[in-house]
Amino acid sequence: MALCAAREAGAMAKGLQGAVATRLKADGSEVSDADLAADAIIRHHLTSHFPEDAILSEEAADDTQRLAVQRLWIIDPIDGTRDFLNGQPEWAVQIALAIAGRLVLGVVAIPSEDVVLVGIPGVGGTCFSAAGPTPLAIRHVARDVLITSDSQRNRAALLKVRAALPEFTALHATSVGIKVWRMLQGRADLYVHPRRIAEWDVAAPAAVLLAAGGGATDLAGADFRFNAAVPQAPGLVFSTRSDHAALVERLRQAQVGVV
């Protein structure tokens, strides 16, 4: 069901790209008619199949009644809205399910590449593409490549990350889902976000990466817990490396943390 919802929302958004009205949200970020339409499509699928479940979405007012519900769907209808609005291909549709705060499912659809990643942490997952379904797996190609967002608000914090990990070269992408896809492709092996980040940005990509055998923790090396009263994670470290814990420790010693 989540796979169908992500595909349908992604296809709709892709068809609208370049011809949608936009407006500013209260936090100053942009939202488009495509974001809202994708949210409506996903929400329709979820409420039709799981009417008792709660939903947390970037594009809808937060309903705090979710805090009393065990099953929470966490969705970002278009992760990478700015790239989407600029006509760029690097955006994703992200849907995750957390039960009692723990991730049990993640779906990341990348319409520009006709790819959908489905992951069940601790079990495994599937990459659906034009070539057909293949098991979700990590390709170890690049080494010491840090993938980051090249945004003004992150640059000061990322200087501290780069100082702590000077051997890493940089690759840029905006969407968290795209970052994880690039990591699975072997184009990068580390992603650090040194600031607070919304649950809807983290959930589905983390589930996919964990299902593929990667590491996904907060900056302290702890597993994520979702459905917080303030739905944010205290930074993150994603990796496809065997030394994930050691990298987290280096970041801690460099006092990389939430700012």
Protein backbone atom coordinates (compact mmCIF):
# COMPACT_ATOMS: atom_id res chain seq x y z
CA MET A 1 0.00 0.00 0.00
CA ALA A 2 2.74 2.51 0.96
CA LEU A 3 4.60 1.55 -2.22
CA CYS A 4 1.53 2.33 -4.33
CA ALA A 5 0.94 5.59 -2.49
CA ALA A 6 4.52 6.75 -3.02
CA ARG A 7 4.45 5.83 -6.69
CA GLU A 8 1.14 7.57 -7.30
CA ALA A 9 2.17 10.71 -5.43
CA GLY A 10 5.52 10.79 -7.19
CA ALA A 11 4.02 10.39 -10.65
CA MET A 12 1.51 13.14 -9.98
CA ALA A 13 4.19 15.53 -8.69
CA LYS A 14 6.52 14.78 -11.58
CA GLY A 15 3.73 15.62 -14.02
CA LEU A 16 3.17 18.96 -12.31
CA GLN A 17 6.83 19.94 -12.02
CA GLY A 18 7.46 23.31 -13.60
CA ALA A 19 3.81 24.36 -13.58
CA VAL A 20 2.70 24.74 -9.97
CA ALA A 21 1.84 27.68 -7.75
CA THR A 22 3.94 28.20 -4.63
CA ARG A 23 3.61 30.06 -1.34
CA LEU A 24 5.60 30.55 1.84
CA LYS A 25 4.79 28.64 5.01
CA ALA A 26 4.96 30.18 8.46
CA ASP A 27 8.58 29.00 8.86
CA GLY A 28 9.61 30.75 5.65
CA SER A 29 10.01 27.58 3.58
CA GLU A 30 8.26 27.11 0.26
CA VAL A 31 5.33 24.82 -0.39
CA SER A 32 3.70 24.11 -3.74
CA ASP A 33 0.39 22.80 -4.94
CA ALA A 34 2.27 19.61 -5.83
CA ASP A 35 3.35 19.13 -2.19
CA LEU A 36 -0.23 19.47 -1.04
CA ALA A 37 -1.61 17.20 -3.77
CA ALA A 38 0.99 14.52 -3.00
CA ASP A 39 0.11 14.78 0.68
CA ALA A 40 -3.58 14.30 -0.16
CA ILE A 41 -2.84 11.19 -2.26
CA ILE A 42 -0.74 9.56 0.45
CA ARG A 43 -3.20 10.50 3.17
CA HIS A 44 -6.07 8.96 1.16
CA HIS A 45 -4.21 5.64 0.89
CA LEU A 46 -3.30 5.59 4.57
CA THR A 47 -6.71 6.53 5.95
CA SER A 48 -8.46 4.09 3.61
CA HIS A 49 -6.36 1.13 4.75
CA PHE A 50 -5.47 2.11 8.32
CA PRO A 51 -8.16 4.44 9.65
CA GLU A 52 -7.02 4.08 13.27
CA ASP A 53 -3.40 5.02 12.59
CA ALA A 54 -2.00 8.50 13.19
CA ILE A 55 -0.27 10.58 10.51
CA LEU A 56 2.52 13.12 10.84
CA SER A 57 3.17 15.08 7.65
CA GLU A 58 5.31 18.06 6.78
CA GLU A 59 2.40 19.57 4.88
CA ALA A 60 -0.36 19.32 7.49
CA ALA A 61 -0.99 20.75 10.94
CA ASP A 62 0.35 18.51 13.68
CA ASP A 63 -2.38 16.67 15.58
CA THR A 64 -1.02 15.97 19.07
CA GLN A 65 -3.50 13.11 19.48
CA ARG A 66 -0.85 11.11 17.61
CA LEU A 67 1.11 10.97 20.88
CA ALA A 68 -1.43 8.50 22.29
CA VAL A 69 -1.33 6.26 19.19
CA GLN A 70 1.14 3.40 18.77
CA ARG A 71 1.16 3.34 14.96
CA LEU A 72 2.35 6.53 13.29
CA TRP A 73 2.84 7.15 9.58
CA ILE A 74 5.50 9.81 8.98
CA ILE A 75 5.43 11.39 5.52
CA ASP A 76 7.25 14.00 3.50
CA PRO A 77 5.25 14.34 0.28
CA ILE A 78 8.14 16.02 -1.56
CA ASP A 79 11.50 15.99 0.18
CA GLY A 80 13.64 18.52 -1.64
CA THR A 81 10.89 21.00 -2.50
CA ARG A 82 13.34 23.69 -3.55
CA ASP A 83 15.02 21.40 -6.08
CA PHE A 84 11.58 20.31 -7.26
CA LEU A 85 10.52 23.93 -7.79
CA ASN A 86 13.79 24.71 -9.58
CA GLY A 87 13.13 21.92 -12.06
CA GLN A 88 15.90 19.71 -10.65
CA PRO A 89 15.51 15.91 -10.48
CA GLU A 90 16.83 15.31 -6.96
CA TRP A 91 13.66 15.13 -4.87
CA ALA A 92 11.84 12.22 -3.28
CA VAL A 93 8.55 11.06 -1.82
CA GLN A 94 9.05 9.61 1.67
CA ILE A 95 6.69 7.45 3.74
CA ALA A 96 7.57 5.62 6.96
CA LEU A 97 5.74 3.69 9.65
CA ALA A 98 6.83 3.76 13.29
CA ILE A 99 5.25 1.55 15.94
CA ALA A 100 5.83 2.54 19.56
CA GLY A 101 8.47 4.94 18.33
CA ARG A 102 10.48 2.37 16.36
CA LEU A 103 10.78 2.28 12.58
CA VAL A 104 9.23 -0.78 10.96
CA LEU A 105 8.92 0.38 7.34
CA GLY A 106 10.33 2.99 5.01
CA VAL A 107 9.51 3.86 1.41
CA VAL A 108 11.50 6.36 -0.64
CA ALA A 109 10.34 7.04 -4.22
CA ILE A 110 12.61 8.91 -6.65
CA PRO A 111 10.40 9.64 -9.66
CA SER A 112 13.12 11.16 -11.85
CA GLU A 113 15.03 7.86 -11.78
CA ASP A 114 11.98 5.54 -11.74
CA VAL A 115 13.21 4.06 -8.47
CA VAL A 116 11.35 3.11 -5.29
CA LEU A 117 13.24 1.87 -2.24
CA VAL A 118 11.32 -0.19 0.32
CA GLY A 119 13.00 -1.18 3.56
CA ILE A 120 12.07 -3.09 6.72
CA PRO A 121 14.77 -2.56 9.36
CA GLY A 122 16.22 -5.80 10.61
CA VAL A 123 14.65 -7.76 7.76
CA GLY A 124 15.77 -6.30 4.43
CA GLY A 125 14.22 -4.55 1.50
CA THR A 126 13.78 -4.18 -2.23
CA CYS A 127 14.80 -1.66 -4.86
CA PHE A 128 12.10 -1.39 -7.52
CA SER A 129 13.36 0.06 -10.81
CA ALA A 130 12.82 -0.20 -14.55
CA ALA A 131 15.17 -3.20 -14.50
CA GLY A 132 12.87 -5.00 -12.06
CA PRO A 133 13.00 -5.63 -8.31
CA THR A 134 16.37 -6.35 -6.68
CA PRO A 135 17.31 -6.87 -3.03
CA LEU A 136 18.21 -3.68 -1.22
CA ALA A 137 21.98 -3.65 -0.81
CA ILE A 138 24.93 -1.34 -0.31
CA ARG A 139 27.56 -0.93 -3.01
CA HIS A 140 31.00 -0.14 -1.57
CA VAL A 141 32.53 2.01 -4.30
CA ALA A 142 33.41 5.44 -2.92
CA ARG A 143 35.43 5.71 0.28
CA ASP A 144 35.59 8.71 2.58
CA VAL A 145 32.90 10.69 0.76
CA LEU A 146 30.64 12.85 2.95
CA ILE A 147 27.32 13.76 1.35
CA THR A 148 25.83 17.01 2.64
CA SER A 149 23.29 19.71 1.91
CA ASP A 150 24.90 22.78 0.40
CA SER A 151 22.58 25.19 2.19
CA GLN A 152 23.52 28.47 3.82
CA ARG A 153 21.99 27.56 7.17
CA ASN A 154 24.08 24.37 7.42
CA ARG A 155 27.45 25.73 6.32
CA ALA A 156 28.73 26.97 9.67
CA ALA A 157 27.87 23.69 11.43
CA LEU A 158 29.32 21.63 8.58
CA LEU A 159 32.67 23.41 8.90
CA LYS A 160 33.03 21.69 12.28
CA VAL A 161 32.12 18.33 10.72
CA ARG A 162 34.69 18.79 7.95
CA ALA A 163 37.33 19.75 10.53
CA ALA A 164 36.60 16.60 12.53
CA LEU A 165 36.77 14.39 9.41
CA PRO A 166 39.41 16.05 7.18
CA GLU A 167 40.03 12.95 5.05
CA PHE A 168 36.50 13.11 3.62
CA THR A 169 35.69 14.74 0.30
CA ALA A 170 32.26 16.28 -0.27
CA LEU A 171 29.25 15.45 -2.41
CA HIS A 172 26.10 17.56 -2.31
CA ALA A 173 22.40 16.69 -2.40
CA THR A 174 19.39 18.33 -0.77
CA SER A 175 16.84 15.57 -0.17
CA VAL A 176 17.65 13.07 2.59
CA GLY A 177 16.08 10.32 0.49
CA ILE A 178 18.40 11.19 -2.39
CA LYS A 179 21.38 11.17 -0.03
CA VAL A 180 20.56 7.63 1.10
CA TRP A 181 20.06 6.50 -2.51
CA ARG A 182 23.49 7.91 -3.43
CA MET A 183 24.96 6.04 -0.45
CA LEU A 184 23.36 2.76 -1.54
CA GLN A 185 24.73 3.37 -5.05
CA GLY A 186 28.20 3.65 -3.55
CA ARG A 187 28.73 7.32 -4.40
CA ALA A 188 29.08 8.35 -0.74
CA ASP A 189 29.54 6.49 2.53
CA LEU A 190 28.67 9.07 5.20
CA TYR A 191 26.00 11.70 5.85
CA VAL A 192 26.09 13.92 8.92
CA HIS A 193 23.42 16.45 9.80
CA PRO A 194 24.72 18.45 12.78
CA ARG A 195 21.50 20.28 13.58
CA ARG A 196 17.97 19.36 14.59
CA ILE A 197 16.02 17.79 11.75
CA ALA A 198 12.33 16.97 11.33
CA GLU A 199 11.13 13.41 11.79
CA TRP A 200 9.59 13.38 8.31
CA ASP A 201 13.04 14.11 6.80
CA VAL A 202 14.68 11.27 8.73
CA ALA A 203 12.20 8.40 9.07
CA ALA A 204 11.84 6.77 5.64
CA PRO A 205 15.49 7.21 4.58
CA ALA A 206 16.68 5.81 7.93
CA ALA A 207 14.44 2.75 7.58
CA VAL A 208 15.72 2.09 4.05
CA LEU A 209 19.37 2.47 5.08
CA LEU A 210 18.95 0.22 8.12
CA ALA A 211 17.19 -2.40 6.00
CA ALA A 212 20.15 -2.38 3.60
CA GLY A 213 22.59 -2.98 6.45
CA GLY A 214 23.80 0.58 6.98
CA GLY A 215 24.06 2.60 10.16
CA ALA A 216 21.55 5.28 11.17
CA THR A 217 21.84 6.99 14.56
CA ASP A 218 21.65 10.38 16.14
CA LEU A 219 24.83 12.36 16.85
CA ALA A 220 25.29 10.52 20.16
CA GLY A 221 25.15 7.14 18.43
CA ALA A 222 21.69 6.31 19.79
CA ASP A 223 18.90 4.71 17.79
CA PHE A 224 16.15 7.03 16.66
CA ARG A 225 12.83 7.18 18.47
CA PHE A 226 9.88 8.71 16.65
CA ASN A 227 6.56 10.31 17.59
CA ALA A 228 8.10 12.89 19.92
CA ALA A 229 6.02 15.81 21.18
CA VAL A 230 8.31 18.07 19.16
CA PRO A 231 8.83 15.88 16.08
CA GLN A 232 12.52 16.45 15.55
CA ALA A 233 15.66 14.33 15.78
CA PRO A 234 18.79 15.77 17.44
CA GLY A 235 20.94 15.57 14.33
CA LEU A 236 21.94 12.37 12.55
CA VAL A 237 24.77 10.19 11.32
CA PHE A 238 24.04 7.86 8.39
CA SER A 239 26.78 5.59 7.07
CA THR A 240 27.48 2.51 5.01
CA ARG A 241 30.72 1.87 6.90
CA SER A 242 31.89 -0.65 9.48
CA ASP A 243 33.40 2.15 11.61
CA HIS A 244 30.14 4.01 12.22
CA ALA A 245 30.61 4.08 16.00
CA ALA A 246 34.18 5.36 15.67
CA LEU A 247 33.05 8.18 13.40
CA VAL A 248 30.33 9.13 15.88
CA GLU A 249 33.00 9.29 18.60
CA ARG A 250 35.22 11.55 16.48
CA LEU A 251 32.30 13.88 15.93
CA ARG A 252 31.57 13.88 19.66
CA GLN A 253 35.16 14.73 20.51
CA ALA A 254 35.02 17.61 18.04
CA GLN A 255 31.88 18.83 19.82
CA VAL A 256 29.76 18.49 16.72
CA GLY A 257 26.24 18.76 18.02
CA VAL A 258 22.88 20.42 17.86
CA VAL A 259 23.12 24.18 17.42
